[in-house]
Amino acid sequence: MNHFQDEFDAEYNRQRILNEVKQIRLEQLALKSRPYKPGRFERTMFNFANWMISTGKQLRKRYEVPSVNCNQSPKRYAH
């Protein structure tokens, strides 16, 4: 066997893998520095969540049983 060729191939593959790892790290760094721009789905879900919250507050206000103030003495009605 040609050991020189095997060592050359191994070194070539190691260098190729290191270059790929470096490229992936650069891509990840670039993605982190990019400003966040939500897509259509994210915007739709955000608006839907806001609508559900506002509707829920309105429904709760409309159908909630009013609370009773227990600090005041009950009024007595004259018959």
PDB file of N, CA and C in Angstrom:
ATOM      1  N   MET A   1       0.832  -1.180   0.000  1.00  0.00           N
ATOM      2  CA  MET A   1       0.000   0.000   0.000  1.00  0.00           C
ATOM      3  C   MET A   1       0.882   1.251   0.000  1.00  0.00           C
ATOM      4  N   ASN A   2       0.324   2.273  -0.497  1.00  0.00           N
ATOM      5  CA  ASN A   2       1.031   3.542  -0.555  1.00  0.00           C
ATOM      6  C   ASN A   2       0.610   4.381   0.658  1.00  0.00           C
ATOM      7  N   HIS A   3       1.419   4.372   1.706  1.00  0.00           N
ATOM      8  CA  HIS A   3       1.073   5.082   2.937  1.00  0.00           C
ATOM      9  C   HIS A   3       1.095   6.595   2.739  1.00  0.00           C
ATOM     10  N   PHE A   4       1.954   7.049   1.829  1.00  0.00           N
ATOM     11  CA  PHE A   4       2.019   8.482   1.580  1.00  0.00           C
ATOM     12  C   PHE A   4       0.686   8.995   1.025  1.00  0.00           C
ATOM     13  N   GLN A   5       0.089   8.226   0.116  1.00  0.00           N
ATOM     14  CA  GLN A   5      -1.200   8.624  -0.470  1.00  0.00           C
ATOM     15  C   GLN A   5      -2.306   8.601   0.587  1.00  0.00           C
ATOM     16  N   ASP A   6      -2.286   7.601   1.466  1.00  0.00           N
ATOM     17  CA  ASP A   6      -3.292   7.523   2.533  1.00  0.00           C
ATOM     18  C   ASP A   6      -3.190   8.723   3.465  1.00  0.00           C
ATOM     19  N   GLU A   7      -1.960   9.093   3.837  1.00  0.00           N
ATOM     20  CA  GLU A   7      -1.768  10.251   4.712  1.00  0.00           C
ATOM     21  C   GLU A   7      -2.178  11.536   3.998  1.00  0.00           C
ATOM     22  N   PHE A   8      -1.894  11.627   2.738  1.00  0.00           N
ATOM     23  CA  PHE A   8      -2.272  12.808   1.960  1.00  0.00           C
ATOM     24  C   PHE A   8      -3.796  12.935   1.892  1.00  0.00           C
ATOM     25  N   ASP A   9      -4.473  11.814   1.615  1.00  0.00           N
ATOM     26  CA  ASP A   9      -5.938  11.812   1.558  1.00  0.00           C
ATOM     27  C   ASP A   9      -6.545  12.176   2.915  1.00  0.00           C
ATOM     28  N   ALA A  10      -5.992  11.639   3.992  1.00  0.00           N
ATOM     29  CA  ALA A  10      -6.502  11.930   5.328  1.00  0.00           C
ATOM     30  C   ALA A  10      -6.336  13.413   5.654  1.00  0.00           C
ATOM     31  N   GLU A  11      -5.181  13.970   5.314  1.00  0.00           N
ATOM     32  CA  GLU A  11      -4.937  15.401   5.575  1.00  0.00           C
ATOM     33  C   GLU A  11      -5.860  16.266   4.725  1.00  0.00           C
ATOM     34  N   TYR A  12      -6.074  15.864   3.486  1.00  0.00           N
ATOM     35  CA  TYR A  12      -6.976  16.600   2.607  1.00  0.00           C
ATOM     36  C   TYR A  12      -8.404  16.591   3.160  1.00  0.00           C
ATOM     37  N   ASN A  13      -8.857  15.417   3.601  1.00  0.00           N
ATOM     38  CA  ASN A  13     -10.210  15.326   4.166  1.00  0.00           C
ATOM     39  C   ASN A  13     -10.332  16.122   5.464  1.00  0.00           C
ATOM     40  N   ARG A  14      -9.297  16.086   6.297  1.00  0.00           N
ATOM     41  CA  ARG A  14      -9.326  16.851   7.542  1.00  0.00           C
ATOM     42  C   ARG A  14      -9.429  18.347   7.248  1.00  0.00           C
ATOM     43  N   GLN A  15      -8.674  18.811   6.293  1.00  0.00           N
ATOM     44  CA  GLN A  15      -8.706  20.230   5.920  1.00  0.00           C
ATOM     45  C   GLN A  15     -10.069  20.612   5.333  1.00  0.00           C
ATOM     46  N   ARG A  16     -10.634  19.730   4.537  1.00  0.00           N
ATOM     47  CA  ARG A  16     -11.961  19.992   3.948  1.00  0.00           C
ATOM     48  C   ARG A  16     -13.020  20.093   5.040  1.00  0.00           C
ATOM     49  N   ILE A  17     -12.960  19.196   6.024  1.00  0.00           N
ATOM     50  CA  ILE A  17     -13.922  19.216   7.131  1.00  0.00           C
ATOM     51  C   ILE A  17     -13.761  20.493   7.959  1.00  0.00           C
ATOM     52  N   LEU A  18     -12.515  20.896   8.226  1.00  0.00           N
ATOM     53  CA  LEU A  18     -12.278  22.127   8.985  1.00  0.00           C
ATOM     54  C   LEU A  18     -12.813  23.352   8.233  1.00  0.00           C
ATOM     55  N   ASN A  19     -12.654  23.366   6.922  1.00  0.00           N
ATOM     56  CA  ASN A  19     -13.196  24.471   6.127  1.00  0.00           C
ATOM     57  C   ASN A  19     -14.720  24.494   6.177  1.00  0.00           C
ATOM     58  N   GLU A  20     -15.348  23.330   6.140  1.00  0.00           N
ATOM     59  CA  GLU A  20     -16.812  23.268   6.235  1.00  0.00           C
ATOM     60  C   GLU A  20     -17.298  23.760   7.594  1.00  0.00           C
ATOM     61  N   VAL A  21     -16.599  23.365   8.658  1.00  0.00           N
ATOM     62  CA  VAL A  21     -16.976  23.810  10.004  1.00  0.00           C
ATOM     63  C   VAL A  21     -16.836  25.323  10.112  1.00  0.00           C
ATOM     64  N   LYS A  22     -15.749  25.862   9.552  1.00  0.00           N
ATOM     65  CA  LYS A  22     -15.546  27.305   9.573  1.00  0.00           C
ATOM     66  C   LYS A  22     -16.663  28.015   8.814  1.00  0.00           C
ATOM     67  N   GLN A  23     -17.062  27.473   7.685  1.00  0.00           N
ATOM     68  CA  GLN A  23     -18.136  28.068   6.886  1.00  0.00           C
ATOM     69  C   GLN A  23     -19.458  28.036   7.648  1.00  0.00           C
ATOM     70  N   ILE A  24     -19.746  26.940   8.307  1.00  0.00           N
ATOM     71  CA  ILE A  24     -20.987  26.829   9.087  1.00  0.00           C
ATOM     72  C   ILE A  24     -20.992  27.839  10.226  1.00  0.00           C
ATOM     73  N   ARG A  25     -19.867  27.994  10.915  1.00  0.00           N
ATOM     74  CA  ARG A  25     -19.783  28.979  12.004  1.00  0.00           C
ATOM     75  C   ARG A  25     -19.989  30.392  11.484  1.00  0.00           C
ATOM     76  N   LEU A  26     -19.412  30.715  10.332  1.00  0.00           N
ATOM     77  CA  LEU A  26     -19.612  32.043   9.748  1.00  0.00           C
ATOM     78  C   LEU A  26     -21.075  32.273   9.378  1.00  0.00           C
ATOM     79  N   GLU A  27     -21.733  31.249   8.829  1.00  0.00           N
ATOM     80  CA  GLU A  27     -23.149  31.381   8.483  1.00  0.00           C
ATOM     81  C   GLU A  27     -24.002  31.586   9.731  1.00  0.00           C
ATOM     82  N   GLN A  28     -23.697  30.861  10.806  1.00  0.00           N
ATOM     83  CA  GLN A  28     -24.443  31.029  12.048  1.00  0.00           C
ATOM     84  C   GLN A  28     -24.227  32.420  12.632  1.00  0.00           C
ATOM     85  N   LEU A  29     -23.019  32.927  12.572  1.00  0.00           N
ATOM     86  CA  LEU A  29     -22.727  34.271  13.056  1.00  0.00           C
ATOM     87  C   LEU A  29     -23.479  35.304  12.237  1.00  0.00           C
ATOM     88  N   ALA A  30     -23.522  35.117  10.928  1.00  0.00           N
ATOM     89  CA  ALA A  30     -24.249  36.054  10.066  1.00  0.00           C
ATOM     90  C   ALA A  30     -25.735  36.029  10.365  1.00  0.00           C
ATOM     91  N   LEU A  31     -26.292  34.861  10.641  1.00  0.00           N
ATOM     92  CA  LEU A  31     -27.715  34.769  10.955  1.00  0.00           C
ATOM     93  C   LEU A  31     -28.041  35.453  12.280  1.00  0.00           C
ATOM     94  N   LYS A  32     -27.131  35.373  13.255  1.00  0.00           N
ATOM     95  CA  LYS A  32     -27.369  36.021  14.543  1.00  0.00           C
ATOM     96  C   LYS A  32     -27.365  37.537  14.415  1.00  0.00           C
ATOM     97  N   SER A  33     -26.542  38.077  13.538  1.00  0.00           N
ATOM     98  CA  SER A  33     -26.432  39.526  13.409  1.00  0.00           C
ATOM     99  C   SER A  33     -27.523  40.119  12.525  1.00  0.00           C
ATOM    100  N   ARG A  34     -28.270  39.294  11.841  1.00  0.00           N
ATOM    101  CA  ARG A  34     -29.336  39.770  10.967  1.00  0.00           C
ATOM    102  C   ARG A  34     -30.508  40.249  11.803  1.00  0.00           C
ATOM    103  N   PRO A  35     -31.102  41.405  11.490  1.00  0.00           N
ATOM    104  CA  PRO A  35     -32.267  41.855  12.254  1.00  0.00           C
ATOM    105  C   PRO A  35     -33.434  40.895  12.045  1.00  0.00           C
ATOM    106  N   TYR A  36     -34.252  40.748  13.083  1.00  0.00           N
ATOM    107  CA  TYR A  36     -35.378  39.820  13.031  1.00  0.00           C
ATOM    108  C   TYR A  36     -36.487  40.414  12.188  1.00  0.00           C
ATOM    109  N   LYS A  37     -36.861  39.703  11.159  1.00  0.00           N
ATOM    110  CA  LYS A  37     -37.978  40.110  10.309  1.00  0.00           C
ATOM    111  C   LYS A  37     -38.951  38.937  10.254  1.00  0.00           C
ATOM    112  N   PRO A  38     -40.044  39.034  11.010  1.00  0.00           N
ATOM    113  CA  PRO A  38     -40.981  37.906  11.028  1.00  0.00           C
ATOM    114  C   PRO A  38     -41.637  37.719   9.665  1.00  0.00           C
ATOM    115  N   GLY A  39     -41.879  36.469   9.357  1.00  0.00           N
ATOM    116  CA  GLY A  39     -42.537  36.141   8.102  1.00  0.00           C
ATOM    117  C   GLY A  39     -44.051  36.293   8.226  1.00  0.00           C
ATOM    118  N   ARG A  40     -44.739  35.901   7.195  1.00  0.00           N
ATOM    119  CA  ARG A  40     -46.194  36.038   7.171  1.00  0.00           C
ATOM    120  C   ARG A  40     -46.840  35.213   8.278  1.00  0.00           C
ATOM    121  N   PHE A  41     -46.370  33.993   8.493  1.00  0.00           N
ATOM    122  CA  PHE A  41     -46.954  33.143   9.525  1.00  0.00           C
ATOM    123  C   PHE A  41     -46.767  33.755  10.909  1.00  0.00           C
ATOM    124  N   GLU A  42     -45.557  34.248  11.216  1.00  0.00           N
ATOM    125  CA  GLU A  42     -45.294  34.842  12.517  1.00  0.00           C
ATOM    126  C   GLU A  42     -46.153  36.077  12.744  1.00  0.00           C
ATOM    127  N   ARG A  43     -46.278  36.930  11.720  1.00  0.00           N
ATOM    128  CA  ARG A  43     -47.120  38.125  11.858  1.00  0.00           C
ATOM    129  C   ARG A  43     -48.576  37.746  12.063  1.00  0.00           C
ATOM    130  N   THR A  44     -49.045  36.750  11.321  1.00  0.00           N
ATOM    131  CA  THR A  44     -50.436  36.317  11.451  1.00  0.00           C
ATOM    132  C   THR A  44     -50.702  35.767  12.841  1.00  0.00           C
ATOM    133  N   MET A  45     -49.806  34.933  13.341  1.00  0.00           N
ATOM    134  CA  MET A  45     -49.998  34.371  14.684  1.00  0.00           C
ATOM    135  C   MET A  45     -49.926  35.449  15.755  1.00  0.00           C
ATOM    136  N   PHE A  46     -49.057  36.433  15.601  1.00  0.00           N
ATOM    137  CA  PHE A  46     -48.955  37.534  16.560  1.00  0.00           C
ATOM    138  C   PHE A  46     -50.251  38.333  16.586  1.00  0.00           C
ATOM    139  N   ASN A  47     -50.779  38.664  15.408  1.00  0.00           N
ATOM    140  CA  ASN A  47     -52.037  39.406  15.339  1.00  0.00           C
ATOM    141  C   ASN A  47     -53.195  38.576  15.878  1.00  0.00           C
ATOM    142  N   PHE A  48     -53.200  37.284  15.588  1.00  0.00           N
ATOM    143  CA  PHE A  48     -54.242  36.399  16.099  1.00  0.00           C
ATOM    144  C   PHE A  48     -54.196  36.325  17.622  1.00  0.00           C
ATOM    145  N   ALA A  49     -52.996  36.239  18.190  1.00  0.00           N
ATOM    146  CA  ALA A  49     -52.864  36.201  19.650  1.00  0.00           C
ATOM    147  C   ALA A  49     -53.353  37.504  20.269  1.00  0.00           C
ATOM    148  N   ASN A  50     -53.007  38.630  19.663  1.00  0.00           N
ATOM    149  CA  ASN A  50     -53.489  39.911  20.177  1.00  0.00           C
ATOM    150  C   ASN A  50     -55.005  40.000  20.093  1.00  0.00           C
ATOM    151  N   TRP A  51     -55.591  39.499  19.009  1.00  0.00           N
ATOM    152  CA  TRP A  51     -57.048  39.505  18.876  1.00  0.00           C
ATOM    153  C   TRP A  51     -57.693  38.634  19.951  1.00  0.00           C
ATOM    154  N   MET A  52     -57.121  37.452  20.190  1.00  0.00           N
ATOM    155  CA  MET A  52     -57.678  36.566  21.218  1.00  0.00           C
ATOM    156  C   MET A  52     -57.601  37.221  22.594  1.00  0.00           C
ATOM    157  N   ILE A  53     -56.514  37.901  22.895  1.00  0.00           N
ATOM    158  CA  ILE A  53     -56.370  38.555  24.195  1.00  0.00           C
ATOM    159  C   ILE A  53     -57.395  39.666  24.334  1.00  0.00           C
ATOM    160  N   SER A  54     -57.546  40.505  23.323  1.00  0.00           N
ATOM    161  CA  SER A  54     -58.494  41.616  23.432  1.00  0.00           C
ATOM    162  C   SER A  54     -59.928  41.103  23.492  1.00  0.00           C
ATOM    163  N   THR A  55     -60.249  40.077  22.726  1.00  0.00           N
ATOM    164  CA  THR A  55     -61.594  39.511  22.763  1.00  0.00           C
ATOM    165  C   THR A  55     -61.861  38.868  24.117  1.00  0.00           C
ATOM    166  N   GLY A  56     -60.883  38.180  24.648  1.00  0.00           N
ATOM    167  CA  GLY A  56     -61.043  37.545  25.948  1.00  0.00           C
ATOM    168  C   GLY A  56     -61.294  38.561  27.042  1.00  0.00           C
ATOM    169  N   LYS A  57     -60.595  39.691  27.001  1.00  0.00           N
ATOM    170  CA  LYS A  57     -60.807  40.734  28.007  1.00  0.00           C
ATOM    171  C   LYS A  57     -62.209  41.300  27.893  1.00  0.00           C
ATOM    172  N   GLN A  58     -62.653  41.531  26.664  1.00  0.00           N
ATOM    173  CA  GLN A  58     -63.993  42.074  26.479  1.00  0.00           C
ATOM    174  C   GLN A  58     -65.053  41.083  26.937  1.00  0.00           C
ATOM    175  N   LEU A  59     -64.868  39.799  26.619  1.00  0.00           N
ATOM    176  CA  LEU A  59     -65.839  38.801  27.047  1.00  0.00           C
ATOM    177  C   LEU A  59     -65.840  38.662  28.559  1.00  0.00           C
ATOM    178  N   ARG A  60     -64.678  38.682  29.164  1.00  0.00           N
ATOM    179  CA  ARG A  60     -64.608  38.570  30.613  1.00  0.00           C
ATOM    180  C   ARG A  60     -65.303  39.765  31.258  1.00  0.00           C
ATOM    181  N   LYS A  61     -65.072  40.949  30.752  1.00  0.00           N
ATOM    182  CA  LYS A  61     -65.692  42.142  31.304  1.00  0.00           C
ATOM    183  C   LYS A  61     -67.217  42.071  31.152  1.00  0.00           C
ATOM    184  N   ARG A  62     -67.676  41.530  30.029  1.00  0.00           N
ATOM    185  CA  ARG A  62     -69.100  41.482  29.752  1.00  0.00           C
ATOM    186  C   ARG A  62     -69.816  40.424  30.587  1.00  0.00           C
ATOM    187  N   TYR A  63     -69.206  39.262  30.785  1.00  0.00           N
ATOM    188  CA  TYR A  63     -69.904  38.144  31.408  1.00  0.00           C
ATOM    189  C   TYR A  63     -69.416  37.812  32.812  1.00  0.00           C
ATOM    190  N   GLU A  64     -68.451  38.539  33.326  1.00  0.00           N
ATOM    191  CA  GLU A  64     -67.938  38.246  34.651  1.00  0.00           C
ATOM    192  C   GLU A  64     -68.953  38.669  35.710  1.00  0.00           C
ATOM    193  N   VAL A  65     -69.090  37.866  36.756  1.00  0.00           N
ATOM    194  CA  VAL A  65     -69.988  38.193  37.856  1.00  0.00           C
ATOM    195  C   VAL A  65     -69.351  39.328  38.645  1.00  0.00           C
ATOM    196  N   PRO A  66     -70.091  40.416  38.904  1.00  0.00           N
ATOM    197  CA  PRO A  66     -69.480  41.530  39.624  1.00  0.00           C
ATOM    198  C   PRO A  66     -69.083  41.118  41.034  1.00  0.00           C
ATOM    199  N   SER A  67     -67.971  41.645  41.500  1.00  0.00           N
ATOM    200  CA  SER A  67     -67.511  41.315  42.846  1.00  0.00           C
ATOM    201  C   SER A  67     -68.285  42.130  43.867  1.00  0.00           C
ATOM    202  N   VAL A  68     -68.387  41.583  45.054  1.00  0.00           N
ATOM    203  CA  VAL A  68     -69.130  42.228  46.129  1.00  0.00           C
ATOM    204  C   VAL A  68     -68.128  42.813  47.102  1.00  0.00           C
ATOM    205  N   ASN A  69     -68.374  44.054  47.523  1.00  0.00           N
ATOM    206  CA  ASN A  69     -67.510  44.693  48.491  1.00  0.00           C
ATOM    207  C   ASN A  69     -67.955  44.254  49.882  1.00  0.00           C
ATOM    208  N   CYS A  70     -67.146  43.468  50.557  1.00  0.00           N
ATOM    209  CA  CYS A  70     -67.525  42.903  51.854  1.00  0.00           C
ATOM    210  C   CYS A  70     -67.231  43.859  53.016  1.00  0.00           C
ATOM    211  N   ASN A  71     -66.584  44.965  52.751  1.00  0.00           N
ATOM    212  CA  ASN A  71     -66.238  45.890  53.827  1.00  0.00           C
ATOM    213  C   ASN A  71     -67.427  46.739  54.269  1.00  0.00           C
ATOM    214  N   GLN A  72     -68.390  46.897  53.406  1.00  0.00           N
ATOM    215  CA  GLN A  72     -69.556  47.726  53.762  1.00  0.00           C
ATOM    216  C   GLN A  72     -70.629  46.839  54.407  1.00  0.00           C
ATOM    217  N   SER A  73     -71.309  47.422  55.363  1.00  0.00           N
ATOM    218  CA  SER A  73     -72.381  46.683  55.999  1.00  0.00           C
ATOM    219  C   SER A  73     -73.567  46.621  55.039  1.00  0.00           C
ATOM    220  N   PRO A  74     -74.335  45.540  55.090  1.00  0.00           N
ATOM    221  CA  PRO A  74     -75.465  45.420  54.162  1.00  0.00           C
ATOM    222  C   PRO A  74     -76.526  46.453  54.496  1.00  0.00           C
ATOM    223  N   LYS A  75     -77.158  46.982  53.458  1.00  0.00           N
ATOM    224  CA  LYS A  75     -78.224  47.965  53.635  1.00  0.00           C
ATOM    225  C   LYS A  75     -79.487  47.233  54.045  1.00  0.00           C
ATOM    226  N   ARG A  76     -80.206  47.827  54.957  1.00  0.00           N
ATOM    227  CA  ARG A  76     -81.464  47.241  55.386  1.00  0.00           C
ATOM    228  C   ARG A  76     -82.597  47.992  54.717  1.00  0.00           C
ATOM    229  N   TYR A  77     -83.496  47.231  54.212  1.00  0.00           N
ATOM    230  CA  TYR A  77     -84.632  47.813  53.508  1.00  0.00           C
ATOM    231  C   TYR A  77     -85.808  47.918  54.476  1.00  0.00           C
ATOM    232  N   ALA A  78     -86.460  49.044  54.438  1.00  0.00           N
ATOM    233  CA  ALA A  78     -87.633  49.231  55.317  1.00  0.00           C
ATOM    234  C   ALA A  78     -88.856  48.695  54.613  1.00  0.00           C
ATOM    235  N   HIS A  79     -89.632  47.918  55.372  1.00  0.00           N
ATOM    236  CA  HIS A  79     -90.842  47.352  54.783  1.00  0.00           C
ATOM    237  C   HIS A  79     -92.023  48.134  55.205  1.00  0.00           C
TER     238      HIS A  79
END
